[in-house]
Amino acid sequence: MLRILGIDPGIAIVGFGVLDCDKGKQTMVQYGAINTEAGLPLATRLVQIQTDLEQLILQFRPDEIAIEELFFSKNITTGIAVAHGRGIILYTAEKLGVPIYEYTPMQVKQAVVGYGLAEKRQVMDMVKRILKLKAVPKPDDAADALAIALCHARSATSLLRRKDPNVKETI
């Protein structure tokens, strides 16, 4: 069995989703979000993200972490703050010795929906269907984190990855 912690990076909200993968089947363990308070200094928010993420890693003991790569849209200032948050996430995973895998938004959409230009609502609906959930996870950041974890689960079972003797099998 492989346990994956999917992370949707942010500064105000960091979505997370934990999946167990066994024999090609993914099961949702937990999802949620790390929330930081608006108005706090950036450094204070980063410390909170690091502390909360470390607690999550110690609680759920993931074998691997999947994180979304940054996608800059129109607001570069927001993108820079998110980049700081993402850096803290990468640092924490590395510090605790959990392997990190990074995926672009297009890779996540392709793996979950089968179409790299899928709309957000399509991704959310497929997360719900694949994991057999009663509703789309809230907040959206948590659903995104589960999608990232699903993307990794599906790539973790690929024939290309199985050629690496250091990669854990999920089948």
Protein backbone atom coordinates (compact mmCIF):
# COMPACT_ATOMS: atom_id res chain seq x y z
CA MET A 1 0.00 0.00 0.00
CA LEU A 2 1.09 3.55 -0.77
CA ARG A 3 -0.11 6.59 1.19
CA ILE A 4 -0.06 9.88 -0.70
CA LEU A 5 -0.47 13.38 0.69
CA GLY A 6 -1.67 15.71 -2.05
CA ILE A 7 -1.14 19.42 -1.52
CA ASP A 8 -2.65 22.43 -3.27
CA PRO A 9 -0.24 25.19 -2.24
CA GLY A 10 -1.35 28.62 -1.12
CA ILE A 11 -0.78 31.23 1.54
CA ALA A 12 -4.32 31.89 2.84
CA ILE A 13 -5.48 28.30 2.23
CA VAL A 14 -3.33 25.20 1.71
CA GLY A 15 -5.53 22.32 0.61
CA PHE A 16 -4.55 18.79 1.56
CA GLY A 17 -5.85 15.34 0.75
CA VAL A 18 -4.63 11.95 1.95
CA LEU A 19 -5.17 8.82 -0.17
CA ASP A 20 -4.34 5.19 0.37
CA CYS A 21 -3.54 3.36 -2.84
CA ASP A 22 -3.58 -0.41 -3.06
CA LYS A 23 -3.84 -2.66 -6.12
CA GLY A 24 -4.93 0.19 -8.37
CA LYS A 25 -7.65 1.39 -6.00
CA GLN A 26 -7.54 4.78 -4.29
CA THR A 27 -9.31 5.38 -0.98
CA MET A 28 -9.75 8.79 0.60
CA VAL A 29 -8.40 8.90 4.16
CA GLN A 30 -8.79 12.59 5.01
CA TYR A 31 -8.95 16.01 3.42
CA GLY A 32 -9.08 19.59 4.59
CA ALA A 33 -7.18 22.83 4.61
CA ILE A 34 -4.59 24.77 6.53
CA ASN A 35 -5.95 28.30 6.87
CA THR A 36 -3.89 31.34 7.76
CA GLU A 37 -5.40 34.59 8.92
CA ALA A 38 -5.43 37.53 6.50
CA GLY A 39 -3.57 40.53 7.83
CA LEU A 40 -0.91 38.54 9.63
CA PRO A 41 2.69 39.13 8.51
CA LEU A 42 3.81 36.79 5.74
CA ALA A 43 6.49 35.25 7.98
CA THR A 44 3.88 34.42 10.64
CA ARG A 45 1.66 32.75 8.04
CA LEU A 46 4.61 30.73 6.72
CA VAL A 47 5.48 29.48 10.21
CA GLN A 48 1.86 28.39 10.69
CA ILE A 49 1.87 26.51 7.38
CA GLN A 50 5.12 24.78 8.32
CA THR A 51 3.89 23.84 11.80
CA ASP A 52 0.50 22.57 10.62
CA LEU A 53 1.99 20.66 7.68
CA GLU A 54 4.55 19.00 9.93
CA GLN A 55 1.72 17.87 12.22
CA LEU A 56 -0.19 16.48 9.21
CA ILE A 57 2.85 14.55 8.00
CA LEU A 58 3.51 13.14 11.45
CA GLN A 59 -0.17 12.20 11.89
CA PHE A 60 -0.79 10.55 8.51
CA ARG A 61 2.75 9.30 7.72
CA PRO A 62 2.55 9.62 3.91
CA ASP A 63 4.98 7.62 1.80
CA GLU A 64 5.05 10.38 -0.82
CA ILE A 65 3.83 13.93 -1.28
CA ALA A 66 2.35 15.26 -4.51
CA ILE A 67 2.19 19.03 -4.96
CA GLU A 68 0.95 21.25 -7.73
CA GLU A 69 3.49 23.36 -9.55
CA LEU A 70 2.85 27.08 -9.57
CA PHE A 71 0.71 28.56 -12.27
CA PHE A 72 0.93 32.34 -12.55
CA SER A 73 -2.19 33.97 -13.85
CA LYS A 74 -2.78 37.70 -13.88
CA ASN A 75 -1.85 38.63 -10.30
CA ILE A 76 1.90 38.25 -9.90
CA THR A 77 1.79 39.58 -6.31
CA THR A 78 -0.49 36.73 -5.23
CA GLY A 79 1.72 34.31 -7.15
CA ILE A 80 4.80 35.44 -5.25
CA ALA A 81 3.07 34.93 -1.88
CA VAL A 82 1.92 31.46 -3.00
CA ALA A 83 5.51 30.72 -4.08
CA HIS A 84 6.66 31.50 -0.52
CA GLY A 85 4.05 29.08 0.83
CA ARG A 86 5.05 26.43 -1.68
CA GLY A 87 8.69 26.84 -0.66
CA ILE A 88 7.80 26.20 2.99
CA ILE A 89 5.84 23.10 1.95
CA LEU A 90 8.78 21.74 -0.06
CA TYR A 91 11.16 22.52 2.80
CA THR A 92 8.97 20.73 5.36
CA ALA A 93 8.60 17.61 3.20
CA GLU A 94 12.33 17.47 2.56
CA LYS A 95 13.16 18.08 6.24
CA LEU A 96 10.93 15.15 7.24
CA GLY A 97 12.33 12.92 4.48
CA VAL A 98 9.13 12.48 2.47
CA PRO A 99 9.72 12.22 -1.30
CA ILE A 100 8.10 15.04 -3.29
CA TYR A 101 6.52 14.80 -6.74
CA GLU A 102 5.37 17.86 -8.67
CA TYR A 103 2.62 18.12 -11.27
CA THR A 104 1.37 20.91 -13.50
CA PRO A 105 -2.33 21.81 -13.47
CA MET A 106 -2.58 20.32 -16.98
CA GLN A 107 -1.08 17.00 -15.82
CA VAL A 108 -3.56 16.84 -12.93
CA LYS A 109 -6.52 17.51 -15.25
CA GLN A 110 -5.27 14.92 -17.75
CA ALA A 111 -4.87 12.25 -15.06
CA VAL A 112 -8.20 12.88 -13.34
CA VAL A 113 -10.51 13.89 -16.21
CA GLY A 114 -8.64 12.57 -19.23
CA TYR A 115 -8.42 16.04 -20.78
CA GLY A 116 -5.66 18.51 -19.91
CA LEU A 117 -7.83 21.56 -20.54
CA ALA A 118 -10.76 20.36 -18.43
CA GLU A 119 -12.73 22.89 -16.41
CA LYS A 120 -12.44 23.06 -12.64
CA ARG A 121 -16.00 21.72 -12.12
CA GLN A 122 -15.15 18.65 -14.24
CA VAL A 123 -12.11 17.91 -12.07
CA MET A 124 -14.18 18.32 -8.89
CA ASP A 125 -16.89 16.00 -10.18
CA MET A 126 -14.35 13.32 -11.18
CA VAL A 127 -12.67 13.49 -7.76
CA LYS A 128 -16.06 12.81 -6.20
CA ARG A 129 -16.78 9.93 -8.60
CA ILE A 130 -13.35 8.26 -8.49
CA LEU A 131 -13.22 8.33 -4.70
CA LYS A 132 -16.92 7.43 -4.37
CA LEU A 133 -17.66 10.45 -2.18
CA LYS A 134 -21.17 11.69 -1.45
CA ALA A 135 -20.27 15.29 -2.31
CA VAL A 136 -17.44 17.32 -3.80
CA PRO A 137 -14.94 18.01 -0.99
CA LYS A 138 -14.93 21.52 0.46
CA PRO A 139 -13.12 23.84 0.37
CA ASP A 140 -12.18 23.71 -3.31
CA ASP A 141 -8.52 23.69 -2.28
CA ALA A 142 -9.05 20.32 -0.54
CA ALA A 143 -10.72 18.90 -3.66
CA ASP A 144 -7.78 20.19 -5.71
CA ALA A 145 -5.37 18.49 -3.30
CA LEU A 146 -7.23 15.19 -3.71
CA ALA A 147 -7.01 15.62 -7.50
CA ILE A 148 -3.25 16.13 -7.20
CA ALA A 149 -2.98 13.00 -5.05
CA LEU A 150 -5.06 11.06 -7.62
CA CYS A 151 -2.77 12.29 -10.39
CA HIS A 152 0.21 10.97 -8.47
CA ALA A 153 -1.53 7.68 -7.66
CA ARG A 154 -2.15 7.12 -11.34
CA SER A 155 1.40 8.00 -12.33
CA ALA A 156 2.78 5.92 -9.44
CA THR A 157 1.32 2.82 -11.08
CA SER A 158 2.72 3.56 -14.53
CA LEU A 159 5.06 1.07 -16.17
CA LEU A 160 7.76 3.74 -16.47
CA ARG A 161 7.90 4.27 -12.70
CA ARG A 162 8.03 0.55 -12.00
CA LYS A 163 11.41 0.33 -13.74
CA ASP A 164 12.93 2.24 -10.82
CA PRO A 165 13.77 -0.28 -8.06
CA ASN A 166 13.44 2.45 -5.41
CA VAL A 167 9.78 3.11 -6.23
CA LYS A 168 7.15 1.45 -4.04
CA GLU A 169 4.66 -0.70 -5.91
CA THR A 170 0.94 0.03 -5.62
CA ILE A 171 -0.22 -2.99 -7.59
